[in-house]
Amino acid sequence: MEKHISAWTERGEKPCNQDFVALQTKTYRETHQFSMQVEGDDLLAVVCDGISQGSQGEVAAALVAQTLCERFAQESAMTTDALLAQLDACNDAVVHYYHSDAFPCPQMGGTTLAALYITQDNCATVCNIGDSGIYILRDGQFCALYQEHTLAGEQQRQGQPYDPTVSNMLTQFLGNPYQVGSEQAYTTVLDLLPGDKLLLCSDGVSKTLPEDQLIHILTTQPADKVAKVLVDTAVGTAHDNVTALVITIGKKTTTTKRLGLVHILLRCLRRKPKDIEKRSHL
């Protein structure tokens, strides 16, 4: 099945853009702002949101995204275990950077990660660290496919009310010298169907636009413009960098049995209890 991909990123109110967005196939890579179609090829989509005391987070975000893309292009076949192994290398690279001669003294910095690996036959592996979001829209149902690694997210998983005042306090990120990348990651696997729309975004989108607005834009905008519309809409009110990447799964000539999102969530919950956070209307 053909896949339509669009991506867009803006610095918003920030002095620099510490987000990084990329798409890698086995033969080429696109970054920053692009619209394209992919058919008959595996692909890796990545959104990273750099964090640091200054503006060095942009280096960490670019370092992780480009490292993942390079290693993906070199792999004959990517598996979930192989993807997790690459995260260890990414974590080590970021830690090494912040403790290198580039700084007079060691600093703490890093990046979030939202990654989506899709095979030619539309099996998707979702992987995230931090609070950059991954969502799916199927048959009008919209839900999150990632785990929010913030203090607010951890409290919610423990049964407490979601507290937006601590929603920016990350509990996991790449560049943590005390943990390896694979230990921090949340992953799940699902089969994609024609008409599915997948959104990867930084929190400049997910914590700015309400769900009904996300759904409206995803369902009404053309596949080659949808990411830019999401970003342009969020920039007006976001206080952060704003990045979105949208993948639309095209039609297939043969009949495919559709699996509703409720069934997807139940299947994922059986594998990893409490690890899927769905939006309130599902």
C-alpha atoms as a PDB file:
ATOM      1  CA  MET A   1       0.000   0.000   0.000  1.00  0.00           C
ATOM      2  CA  GLU A   2       1.107   3.514  -0.764  1.00  0.00           C
ATOM      3  CA  LYS A   3       1.967   5.783   2.140  1.00  0.00           C
ATOM      4  CA  HIS A   4       1.609   9.567   1.986  1.00  0.00           C
ATOM      5  CA  ILE A   5       3.908  11.423   4.394  1.00  0.00           C
ATOM      6  CA  SER A   6       4.091  15.099   5.239  1.00  0.00           C
ATOM      7  CA  ALA A   7       6.184  16.822   7.895  1.00  0.00           C
ATOM      8  CA  TRP A   8       6.610  20.367   9.131  1.00  0.00           C
ATOM      9  CA  THR A   9       8.481  22.078  11.961  1.00  0.00           C
ATOM     10  CA  GLU A  10       8.687  25.658  13.276  1.00  0.00           C
ATOM     11  CA  ARG A  11      10.534  27.207  16.197  1.00  0.00           C
ATOM     12  CA  GLY A  12       7.418  29.065  17.395  1.00  0.00           C
ATOM     13  CA  GLU A  13       8.130  31.482  20.236  1.00  0.00           C
ATOM     14  CA  LYS A  14      11.481  29.897  21.065  1.00  0.00           C
ATOM     15  CA  PRO A  15      14.751  31.559  19.916  1.00  0.00           C
ATOM     16  CA  CYS A  16      15.813  28.333  18.156  1.00  0.00           C
ATOM     17  CA  ASN A  17      14.223  25.094  17.028  1.00  0.00           C
ATOM     18  CA  GLN A  18      15.329  22.158  19.179  1.00  0.00           C
ATOM     19  CA  ASP A  19      12.929  19.750  17.429  1.00  0.00           C
ATOM     20  CA  PHE A  20      14.121  17.432  14.669  1.00  0.00           C
ATOM     21  CA  VAL A  21      11.931  15.455  12.275  1.00  0.00           C
ATOM     22  CA  ALA A  22      13.131  12.874   9.753  1.00  0.00           C
ATOM     23  CA  LEU A  23      11.917  10.098   7.493  1.00  0.00           C
ATOM     24  CA  GLN A  24      14.259   7.329   6.315  1.00  0.00           C
ATOM     25  CA  THR A  25      13.717   4.586   3.752  1.00  0.00           C
ATOM     26  CA  LYS A  26      16.345   2.082   2.696  1.00  0.00           C
ATOM     27  CA  THR A  27      17.538   4.441  -0.054  1.00  0.00           C
ATOM     28  CA  TYR A  28      16.944   8.058   0.971  1.00  0.00           C
ATOM     29  CA  ARG A  29      16.216  10.470   3.834  1.00  0.00           C
ATOM     30  CA  GLU A  30      14.095  13.591   4.242  1.00  0.00           C
ATOM     31  CA  THR A  31      14.268  16.053   7.135  1.00  0.00           C
ATOM     32  CA  HIS A  32      12.612  19.216   8.470  1.00  0.00           C
ATOM     33  CA  GLN A  33       9.808  20.129   6.019  1.00  0.00           C
ATOM     34  CA  PHE A  34       8.696  17.735   3.298  1.00  0.00           C
ATOM     35  CA  SER A  35       5.854  15.934   1.550  1.00  0.00           C
ATOM     36  CA  MET A  36       6.327  12.620  -0.243  1.00  0.00           C
ATOM     37  CA  GLN A  37       4.936   9.191  -1.122  1.00  0.00           C
ATOM     38  CA  VAL A  38       6.501   5.818  -0.324  1.00  0.00           C
ATOM     39  CA  GLU A  39       5.477   2.492  -1.817  1.00  0.00           C
ATOM     40  CA  GLY A  40       7.153  -0.911  -1.644  1.00  0.00           C
ATOM     41  CA  ASP A  41       9.743   0.084   0.957  1.00  0.00           C
ATOM     42  CA  ASP A  42      10.233  -0.042   4.724  1.00  0.00           C
ATOM     43  CA  LEU A  43      10.344   3.341   6.419  1.00  0.00           C
ATOM     44  CA  LEU A  44      11.330   4.892   9.733  1.00  0.00           C
ATOM     45  CA  ALA A  45       9.719   8.127  10.926  1.00  0.00           C
ATOM     46  CA  VAL A  46      11.299  10.038  13.807  1.00  0.00           C
ATOM     47  CA  VAL A  47      10.423  13.136  15.834  1.00  0.00           C
ATOM     48  CA  CYS A  48      12.824  14.310  18.560  1.00  0.00           C
ATOM     49  CA  ASP A  49      12.423  17.248  20.955  1.00  0.00           C
ATOM     50  CA  GLY A  50      15.745  18.363  22.404  1.00  0.00           C
ATOM     51  CA  ILE A  51      16.105  19.394  26.042  1.00  0.00           C
ATOM     52  CA  SER A  52      18.906  21.315  27.733  1.00  0.00           C
ATOM     53  CA  GLN A  53      19.612  24.317  29.920  1.00  0.00           C
ATOM     54  CA  GLY A  54      20.480  26.368  26.842  1.00  0.00           C
ATOM     55  CA  SER A  55      20.022  25.735  23.138  1.00  0.00           C
ATOM     56  CA  GLN A  56      22.162  22.595  22.902  1.00  0.00           C
ATOM     57  CA  GLY A  57      19.120  20.346  22.852  1.00  0.00           C
ATOM     58  CA  GLU A  58      18.912  20.789  19.095  1.00  0.00           C
ATOM     59  CA  VAL A  59      22.227  18.923  18.767  1.00  0.00           C
ATOM     60  CA  ALA A  60      20.968  16.002  20.853  1.00  0.00           C
ATOM     61  CA  ALA A  61      17.725  15.803  18.844  1.00  0.00           C
ATOM     62  CA  ALA A  62      19.558  15.842  15.517  1.00  0.00           C
ATOM     63  CA  LEU A  63      22.151  13.368  16.780  1.00  0.00           C
ATOM     64  CA  VAL A  64      19.538  10.792  17.833  1.00  0.00           C
ATOM     65  CA  ALA A  65      17.384  11.180  14.721  1.00  0.00           C
ATOM     66  CA  GLN A  66      20.293  10.956  12.309  1.00  0.00           C
ATOM     67  CA  THR A  67      21.916   8.060  14.157  1.00  0.00           C
ATOM     68  CA  LEU A  68      18.683   6.062  14.063  1.00  0.00           C
ATOM     69  CA  CYS A  69      18.181   6.842  10.378  1.00  0.00           C
ATOM     70  CA  GLU A  70      21.729   5.865   9.438  1.00  0.00           C
ATOM     71  CA  ARG A  71      21.564   2.565  11.308  1.00  0.00           C
ATOM     72  CA  PHE A  72      18.112   1.804   9.908  1.00  0.00           C
ATOM     73  CA  ALA A  73      19.381   2.288   6.358  1.00  0.00           C
ATOM     74  CA  GLN A  74      22.222  -0.161   7.048  1.00  0.00           C
ATOM     75  CA  GLU A  75      19.993  -2.898   8.522  1.00  0.00           C
ATOM     76  CA  SER A  76      18.782  -5.584   6.119  1.00  0.00           C
ATOM     77  CA  ALA A  77      15.665  -6.030   8.281  1.00  0.00           C
ATOM     78  CA  MET A  78      14.773  -4.033  11.383  1.00  0.00           C
ATOM     79  CA  THR A  79      13.168  -5.808  14.345  1.00  0.00           C
ATOM     80  CA  THR A  80      11.855  -4.398  17.606  1.00  0.00           C
ATOM     81  CA  ASP A  81      14.904  -5.788  19.427  1.00  0.00           C
ATOM     82  CA  ALA A  82      17.233  -4.248  16.835  1.00  0.00           C
ATOM     83  CA  LEU A  83      15.483  -0.877  17.196  1.00  0.00           C
ATOM     84  CA  LEU A  84      15.869  -1.000  20.964  1.00  0.00           C
ATOM     85  CA  ALA A  85      19.558  -1.857  20.586  1.00  0.00           C
ATOM     86  CA  GLN A  86      19.995   1.270  18.446  1.00  0.00           C
ATOM     87  CA  LEU A  87      18.518   3.343  21.273  1.00  0.00           C
ATOM     88  CA  ASP A  88      21.352   2.236  23.540  1.00  0.00           C
ATOM     89  CA  ALA A  89      23.838   3.562  20.984  1.00  0.00           C
ATOM     90  CA  CYS A  90      21.876   6.814  20.695  1.00  0.00           C
ATOM     91  CA  ASN A  91      21.805   7.272  24.457  1.00  0.00           C
ATOM     92  CA  ASP A  92      25.567   6.701  24.675  1.00  0.00           C
ATOM     93  CA  ALA A  93      26.198   9.184  21.844  1.00  0.00           C
ATOM     94  CA  VAL A  94      24.211  11.944  23.557  1.00  0.00           C
ATOM     95  CA  VAL A  95      25.857  11.324  26.944  1.00  0.00           C
ATOM     96  CA  HIS A  96      29.281  11.410  25.286  1.00  0.00           C
ATOM     97  CA  TYR A  97      28.422  14.672  23.511  1.00  0.00           C
ATOM     98  CA  TYR A  98      27.432  16.467  26.719  1.00  0.00           C
ATOM     99  CA  HIS A  99      30.607  15.262  28.429  1.00  0.00           C
ATOM    100  CA  SER A 100      32.907  16.087  25.521  1.00  0.00           C
ATOM    101  CA  ASP A 101      35.359  18.924  24.990  1.00  0.00           C
ATOM    102  CA  ALA A 102      32.475  20.973  23.546  1.00  0.00           C
ATOM    103  CA  PHE A 103      31.655  21.982  27.124  1.00  0.00           C
ATOM    104  CA  PRO A 104      34.000  23.314  29.840  1.00  0.00           C
ATOM    105  CA  CYS A 105      32.195  21.075  32.333  1.00  0.00           C
ATOM    106  CA  PRO A 106      29.792  18.135  31.934  1.00  0.00           C
ATOM    107  CA  GLN A 107      26.195  19.153  31.324  1.00  0.00           C
ATOM    108  CA  MET A 108      22.857  17.392  31.448  1.00  0.00           C
ATOM    109  CA  GLY A 109      20.845  17.405  28.262  1.00  0.00           C
ATOM    110  CA  GLY A 110      19.104  15.093  25.895  1.00  0.00           C
ATOM    111  CA  THR A 111      16.038  14.559  23.775  1.00  0.00           C
ATOM    112  CA  THR A 112      12.682  12.871  23.646  1.00  0.00           C
ATOM    113  CA  LEU A 113      11.908  10.350  20.910  1.00  0.00           C
ATOM    114  CA  ALA A 114       8.806   9.362  18.961  1.00  0.00           C
ATOM    115  CA  ALA A 115       9.646   6.712  16.355  1.00  0.00           C
ATOM    116  CA  LEU A 116       7.520   4.640  14.011  1.00  0.00           C
ATOM    117  CA  TYR A 117       8.902   1.789  11.914  1.00  0.00           C
ATOM    118  CA  ILE A 118       6.599   0.526   9.146  1.00  0.00           C
ATOM    119  CA  THR A 119       7.348  -2.524   7.003  1.00  0.00           C
ATOM    120  CA  GLN A 120       6.329  -2.983   3.377  1.00  0.00           C
ATOM    121  CA  ASP A 121       3.360  -5.074   4.502  1.00  0.00           C
ATOM    122  CA  ASN A 122       2.255  -2.341   6.952  1.00  0.00           C
ATOM    123  CA  CYS A 123       3.258  -3.853  10.269  1.00  0.00           C
ATOM    124  CA  ALA A 124       4.094  -0.902  12.530  1.00  0.00           C
ATOM    125  CA  THR A 125       6.412  -0.795  15.528  1.00  0.00           C
ATOM    126  CA  VAL A 126       5.843   2.189  17.808  1.00  0.00           C
ATOM    127  CA  CYS A 127       8.620   3.370  20.124  1.00  0.00           C
ATOM    128  CA  ASN A 128       8.763   6.387  22.406  1.00  0.00           C
ATOM    129  CA  ILE A 129      10.812   7.939  25.183  1.00  0.00           C
ATOM    130  CA  GLY A 130       9.650  11.164  26.820  1.00  0.00           C
ATOM    131  CA  ASP A 131       6.506  13.125  25.936  1.00  0.00           C
ATOM    132  CA  SER A 132       6.598  13.405  22.132  1.00  0.00           C
ATOM    133  CA  GLY A 133       3.327  11.918  20.960  1.00  0.00           C
ATOM    134  CA  ILE A 134       2.306   9.112  18.590  1.00  0.00           C
ATOM    135  CA  TYR A 135      -1.375   8.822  17.650  1.00  0.00           C
ATOM    136  CA  ILE A 136      -3.585   6.886  15.254  1.00  0.00           C
ATOM    137  CA  LEU A 137      -6.865   7.936  13.663  1.00  0.00           C
ATOM    138  CA  ARG A 138      -8.940   5.026  12.331  1.00  0.00           C
ATOM    139  CA  ASP A 139     -12.601   5.150  11.281  1.00  0.00           C
ATOM    140  CA  GLY A 140     -13.121   8.341  13.278  1.00  0.00           C
ATOM    141  CA  GLN A 141     -11.544   6.945  16.452  1.00  0.00           C
ATOM    142  CA  PHE A 142      -8.445   8.680  17.774  1.00  0.00           C
ATOM    143  CA  CYS A 143      -6.077   7.332  20.410  1.00  0.00           C
ATOM    144  CA  ALA A 144      -2.541   7.592  21.719  1.00  0.00           C
ATOM    145  CA  LEU A 145      -0.114   4.768  20.969  1.00  0.00           C
ATOM    146  CA  TYR A 146       2.621   5.979  23.287  1.00  0.00           C
ATOM    147  CA  GLN A 147       3.360   6.304  26.980  1.00  0.00           C
ATOM    148  CA  GLU A 148       3.869   9.812  28.348  1.00  0.00           C
ATOM    149  CA  HIS A 149       7.072   9.793  30.397  1.00  0.00           C
ATOM    150  CA  THR A 150       6.365  12.842  32.549  1.00  0.00           C
ATOM    151  CA  LEU A 151       5.599  13.242  36.233  1.00  0.00           C
ATOM    152  CA  ALA A 152       1.968  13.909  35.289  1.00  0.00           C
ATOM    153  CA  GLY A 153       1.878  10.748  33.182  1.00  0.00           C
ATOM    154  CA  GLU A 154       3.407   8.624  35.933  1.00  0.00           C
ATOM    155  CA  GLN A 155       0.919   9.953  38.482  1.00  0.00           C
ATOM    156  CA  GLN A 156      -1.979   9.225  36.115  1.00  0.00           C
ATOM    157  CA  ARG A 157      -0.817   5.640  35.628  1.00  0.00           C
ATOM    158  CA  GLN A 158      -0.861   5.287  39.411  1.00  0.00           C
ATOM    159  CA  GLY A 159      -4.520   6.306  39.462  1.00  0.00           C
ATOM    160  CA  GLN A 160      -4.072   9.972  40.341  1.00  0.00           C
ATOM    161  CA  PRO A 161      -5.637  12.853  38.375  1.00  0.00           C
ATOM    162  CA  TYR A 162      -3.566  14.200  35.477  1.00  0.00           C
ATOM    163  CA  ASP A 163      -1.763  17.340  36.698  1.00  0.00           C
ATOM    164  CA  PRO A 164      -0.850  19.664  33.798  1.00  0.00           C
ATOM    165  CA  THR A 165       1.409  21.738  36.044  1.00  0.00           C
ATOM    166  CA  VAL A 166       3.971  18.892  36.042  1.00  0.00           C
ATOM    167  CA  SER A 167       3.341  17.684  32.481  1.00  0.00           C
ATOM    168  CA  ASN A 168       6.673  19.145  31.324  1.00  0.00           C
ATOM    169  CA  MET A 169       8.751  17.337  33.957  1.00  0.00           C
ATOM    170  CA  LEU A 170      10.271  14.409  32.037  1.00  0.00           C
ATOM    171  CA  THR A 171      10.940  11.132  33.813  1.00  0.00           C
ATOM    172  CA  GLN A 172      12.622   9.495  30.790  1.00  0.00           C
ATOM    173  CA  PHE A 173      14.755  10.876  27.967  1.00  0.00           C
ATOM    174  CA  LEU A 174      17.663   9.911  25.746  1.00  0.00           C
ATOM    175  CA  GLY A 175      20.913  11.251  27.133  1.00  0.00           C
ATOM    176  CA  ASN A 176      20.342   9.942  30.644  1.00  0.00           C
ATOM    177  CA  PRO A 177      23.747   8.794  31.941  1.00  0.00           C
ATOM    178  CA  TYR A 178      22.109   6.605  34.583  1.00  0.00           C
ATOM    179  CA  GLN A 179      19.988   4.469  32.232  1.00  0.00           C
ATOM    180  CA  VAL A 180      20.407   2.892  28.810  1.00  0.00           C
ATOM    181  CA  GLY A 181      18.005   3.836  26.044  1.00  0.00           C
ATOM    182  CA  SER A 182      16.274   0.489  25.666  1.00  0.00           C
ATOM    183  CA  GLU A 183      15.357   0.397  29.372  1.00  0.00           C
ATOM    184  CA  GLN A 184      13.504   3.695  29.041  1.00  0.00           C
ATOM    185  CA  ALA A 185      11.554   2.940  25.877  1.00  0.00           C
ATOM    186  CA  TYR A 186       7.920   2.004  25.507  1.00  0.00           C
ATOM    187  CA  THR A 187       7.110  -0.100  22.426  1.00  0.00           C
ATOM    188  CA  THR A 188       4.079  -1.729  20.866  1.00  0.00           C
ATOM    189  CA  VAL A 189       3.274  -3.359  17.529  1.00  0.00           C
ATOM    190  CA  LEU A 190       0.130  -3.137  15.387  1.00  0.00           C
ATOM    191  CA  ASP A 191      -1.063  -3.835  11.848  1.00  0.00           C
ATOM    192  CA  LEU A 192      -2.009  -0.800   9.764  1.00  0.00           C
ATOM    193  CA  LEU A 193      -5.016  -0.637   7.437  1.00  0.00           C
ATOM    194  CA  PRO A 194      -5.984   1.512   4.434  1.00  0.00           C
ATOM    195  CA  GLY A 195      -7.175   4.923   5.561  1.00  0.00           C
ATOM    196  CA  ASP A 196      -5.228   4.925   8.837  1.00  0.00           C
ATOM    197  CA  LYS A 197      -3.600   8.230   9.726  1.00  0.00           C
ATOM    198  CA  LEU A 198      -0.643   8.295  12.110  1.00  0.00           C
ATOM    199  CA  LEU A 199       0.595  11.446  13.811  1.00  0.00           C
ATOM    200  CA  LEU A 200       4.027  11.902  15.386  1.00  0.00           C
ATOM    201  CA  CYS A 201       4.497  15.262  17.080  1.00  0.00           C
ATOM    202  CA  SER A 202       6.350  17.236  19.685  1.00  0.00           C
ATOM    203  CA  ASP A 203       4.440  18.464  22.724  1.00  0.00           C
ATOM    204  CA  GLY A 204       4.153  21.850  21.027  1.00  0.00           C
ATOM    205  CA  VAL A 205       1.321  20.217  19.067  1.00  0.00           C
ATOM    206  CA  SER A 206      -0.066  17.601  21.465  1.00  0.00           C
ATOM    207  CA  LYS A 207      -0.264  19.937  24.477  1.00  0.00           C
ATOM    208  CA  THR A 208      -1.597  22.880  22.462  1.00  0.00           C
ATOM    209  CA  LEU A 209      -4.309  21.566  20.145  1.00  0.00           C
ATOM    210  CA  PRO A 210      -7.365  19.828  21.664  1.00  0.00           C
ATOM    211  CA  GLU A 211      -8.366  16.400  20.413  1.00  0.00           C
ATOM    212  CA  ASP A 212     -11.355  17.566  18.383  1.00  0.00           C
ATOM    213  CA  GLN A 213      -9.159  20.047  16.522  1.00  0.00           C
ATOM    214  CA  LEU A 214      -6.530  17.382  15.815  1.00  0.00           C
ATOM    215  CA  ILE A 215      -9.216  15.077  14.422  1.00  0.00           C
ATOM    216  CA  HIS A 216     -10.747  17.849  12.304  1.00  0.00           C
ATOM    217  CA  ILE A 217      -7.413  18.777  10.716  1.00  0.00           C
ATOM    218  CA  LEU A 218      -6.415  15.155  10.128  1.00  0.00           C
ATOM    219  CA  THR A 219      -9.727  14.350   8.433  1.00  0.00           C
ATOM    220  CA  THR A 220     -10.187  17.502   6.350  1.00  0.00           C
ATOM    221  CA  GLN A 221      -6.713  18.439   5.118  1.00  0.00           C
ATOM    222  CA  PRO A 222      -4.991  16.824   2.090  1.00  0.00           C
ATOM    223  CA  ALA A 223      -2.215  14.345   2.873  1.00  0.00           C
ATOM    224  CA  ASP A 224       0.510  16.607   1.464  1.00  0.00           C
ATOM    225  CA  LYS A 225      -0.528  19.639   3.545  1.00  0.00           C
ATOM    226  CA  VAL A 226      -1.848  18.196   6.805  1.00  0.00           C
ATOM    227  CA  ALA A 227       1.401  18.455   8.836  1.00  0.00           C
ATOM    228  CA  LYS A 228       1.904  22.112   7.903  1.00  0.00           C
ATOM    229  CA  VAL A 229      -1.692  22.943   8.820  1.00  0.00           C
ATOM    230  CA  LEU A 230      -1.261  21.275  12.223  1.00  0.00           C
ATOM    231  CA  VAL A 231       1.921  23.239  12.899  1.00  0.00           C
ATOM    232  CA  ASP A 232       0.555  26.551  11.602  1.00  0.00           C
ATOM    233  CA  THR A 233      -2.523  26.135  13.796  1.00  0.00           C
ATOM    234  CA  ALA A 234      -0.489  25.342  16.917  1.00  0.00           C
ATOM    235  CA  VAL A 235       2.143  28.066  16.415  1.00  0.00           C
ATOM    236  CA  GLY A 236      -0.354  30.799  17.258  1.00  0.00           C
ATOM    237  CA  THR A 237      -0.798  29.619  20.848  1.00  0.00           C
ATOM    238  CA  ALA A 238       2.123  27.259  21.571  1.00  0.00           C
ATOM    239  CA  HIS A 239       4.970  28.428  23.797  1.00  0.00           C
ATOM    240  CA  ASP A 240       7.351  25.841  22.396  1.00  0.00           C
ATOM    241  CA  ASN A 241       8.811  24.490  19.164  1.00  0.00           C
ATOM    242  CA  VAL A 242       6.096  22.882  17.055  1.00  0.00           C
ATOM    243  CA  THR A 243       6.611  19.765  14.904  1.00  0.00           C
ATOM    244  CA  ALA A 244       4.297  17.262  13.215  1.00  0.00           C
ATOM    245  CA  LEU A 245       4.732  14.290  10.892  1.00  0.00           C
ATOM    246  CA  VAL A 246       1.649  12.597   9.442  1.00  0.00           C
ATOM    247  CA  ILE A 247       1.530   9.273   7.605  1.00  0.00           C
ATOM    248  CA  THR A 248      -1.613   8.378   5.649  1.00  0.00           C
ATOM    249  CA  ILE A 249      -1.961   4.744   4.607  1.00  0.00           C
ATOM    250  CA  GLY A 250      -3.328   4.561   1.069  1.00  0.00           C
ATOM    251  CA  LYS A 251      -5.870   2.209  -0.421  1.00  0.00           C
ATOM    252  CA  LYS A 252      -5.260  -1.423  -1.249  1.00  0.00           C
ATOM    253  CA  THR A 253      -6.951  -3.258  -4.091  1.00  0.00           C
ATOM    254  CA  THR A 254      -7.704  -6.417  -2.088  1.00  0.00           C
ATOM    255  CA  THR A 255     -10.266  -6.603   0.711  1.00  0.00           C
ATOM    256  CA  THR A 256      -8.846  -6.215   4.203  1.00  0.00           C
ATOM    257  CA  LYS A 257     -10.629  -7.046   7.454  1.00  0.00           C
ATOM    258  CA  ARG A 258     -10.733  -3.898   9.561  1.00  0.00           C
ATOM    259  CA  LEU A 259      -9.703  -4.104  13.196  1.00  0.00           C
ATOM    260  CA  GLY A 260     -11.188  -1.377  15.377  1.00  0.00           C
ATOM    261  CA  LEU A 261      -9.054   0.647  17.760  1.00  0.00           C
ATOM    262  CA  VAL A 262     -10.774  -0.870  20.778  1.00  0.00           C
ATOM    263  CA  HIS A 263      -9.513  -4.287  19.665  1.00  0.00           C
ATOM    264  CA  ILE A 264      -6.038  -2.864  19.059  1.00  0.00           C
ATOM    265  CA  LEU A 265      -6.001  -1.375  22.542  1.00  0.00           C
ATOM    266  CA  LEU A 266      -7.210  -4.608  24.144  1.00  0.00           C
ATOM    267  CA  ARG A 267      -4.534  -6.586  22.298  1.00  0.00           C
ATOM    268  CA  CYS A 268      -1.821  -4.160  23.409  1.00  0.00           C
ATOM    269  CA  LEU A 269      -3.124  -4.163  26.968  1.00  0.00           C
ATOM    270  CA  ARG A 270      -2.818  -7.930  27.100  1.00  0.00           C
ATOM    271  CA  ARG A 271       0.860  -7.569  26.169  1.00  0.00           C
ATOM    272  CA  LYS A 272       1.687  -4.613  28.407  1.00  0.00           C
ATOM    273  CA  PRO A 273      -0.900  -3.807  31.092  1.00  0.00           C
ATOM    274  CA  LYS A 274      -1.515  -0.097  31.680  1.00  0.00           C
ATOM    275  CA  ASP A 275       0.932   0.929  28.942  1.00  0.00           C
ATOM    276  CA  ILE A 276      -1.629   2.240  26.437  1.00  0.00           C
ATOM    277  CA  GLU A 277      -3.155   5.616  27.184  1.00  0.00           C
ATOM    278  CA  LYS A 278      -6.274   6.204  25.111  1.00  0.00           C
ATOM    279  CA  ARG A 279      -8.044   9.496  24.619  1.00  0.00           C
ATOM    280  CA  SER A 280     -11.143  10.112  26.711  1.00  0.00           C
ATOM    281  CA  HIS A 281     -13.825   9.562  24.061  1.00  0.00           C
ATOM    282  CA  LEU A 282     -12.855   5.949  23.236  1.00  0.00           C
END
